[in-house]
Protein backbone atom coordinates (compact mmCIF):
# COMPACT_ATOMS: atom_id res chain seq x y z
CA UNK A 1 -5.48 2.78 -10.23
CA UNK A 2 -5.30 0.17 -7.44
CA UNK A 3 -2.30 -1.55 -9.05
CA UNK A 4 -0.45 1.71 -9.74
CA UNK A 5 -0.92 3.06 -6.22
CA UNK A 6 0.46 -0.15 -4.71
CA UNK A 7 3.09 -0.99 -7.33
CA UNK A 8 4.98 2.31 -7.27
CA UNK A 9 6.09 2.16 -3.59
CA UNK A 10 6.79 -1.57 -3.90
CA UNK A 11 8.95 -1.05 -6.98
CA UNK A 12 10.77 1.86 -5.37
CA UNK A 13 11.58 -0.13 -2.24
CA UNK A 14 12.57 -3.20 -4.23
CA UNK A 15 15.01 -1.20 -6.31
CA UNK A 16 16.48 1.06 -3.60
CA UNK A 17 16.49 -0.84 -0.31
CA UNK A 18 18.60 -3.91 -1.24
CA UNK A 19 21.52 -1.76 -2.44
CA UNK A 20 21.70 0.75 0.41
CA UNK A 21 21.80 0.92 4.18
CA UNK A 22 18.60 2.99 4.27
CA UNK A 23 16.38 0.23 5.75
CA UNK A 24 18.72 -0.10 8.74
CA UNK A 25 18.36 3.55 9.77
CA UNK A 26 16.90 3.57 13.29
CA UNK A 27 13.66 5.53 13.67
CA UNK A 28 12.56 4.83 17.22
CA UNK A 29 14.33 2.31 19.43
CA UNK A 30 14.52 -1.00 17.55
CA UNK A 31 12.15 0.29 14.89
CA UNK A 32 13.99 0.85 11.61
CA UNK A 33 13.07 2.73 8.47
CA UNK A 34 12.62 -0.55 6.60
CA UNK A 35 10.05 -1.78 9.12
CA UNK A 36 8.22 1.56 9.08
CA UNK A 37 8.18 1.50 5.26
CA UNK A 38 6.76 -2.04 5.31
CA UNK A 39 4.04 -1.10 7.78
CA UNK A 40 3.10 1.96 5.70
CA UNK A 41 2.96 -0.17 2.56
CA UNK A 42 0.66 -2.68 4.26
CA UNK A 43 -1.55 0.18 5.44
CA UNK A 44 -1.64 1.63 1.92
CA UNK A 45 -2.59 -1.76 0.50
CA UNK A 46 -5.38 -2.24 3.04
CA UNK A 47 -6.74 1.28 2.44
CA UNK A 48 -6.74 0.92 -1.34
CA UNK A 49 -8.29 -2.56 -1.13
CA UNK A 50 -11.06 -1.16 1.10
CA UNK A 51 -11.58 1.75 -1.32
CA UNK A 52 -11.71 -0.59 -4.32
CA UNK A 53 -14.20 -2.92 -2.63
CA UNK A 54 -16.41 -0.04 -1.49
CA UNK A 55 -16.39 1.42 -4.98
CA UNK A 56 -17.17 -1.93 -6.58
CA UNK A 57 -20.03 -2.55 -4.15
CA UNK A 58 -21.57 0.86 -4.88
CA UNK A 59 -21.41 0.21 -8.63
CA UNK A 60 -23.00 -3.24 -8.27
CA UNK A 61 -25.71 -1.98 -5.91
CA UNK A 62 -26.77 0.76 -8.32
CA UNK A 63 -27.05 -1.79 -11.13
CA UNK A 64 -29.24 -4.05 -8.99
CA UNK A 65 -31.61 -1.18 -8.17
CA UNK A 66 -31.97 -0.17 -11.81
CA UNK A 67 -32.45 -3.73 -13.12
């Protein structure tokens, strides 16, 4: 699930952004859509990495208690 959640937006941006002018669309001042997309992707990666680690830790902790 971690790979799918992070790979889909990365693949979409890799396929669409190089062939269009979409990343250069200004959003706020010097901030462009490409920069906003990159920041959102980094945030998504950090959130899913935190979720994955928290889930893994809970699974390992329950095994240690039982064993």
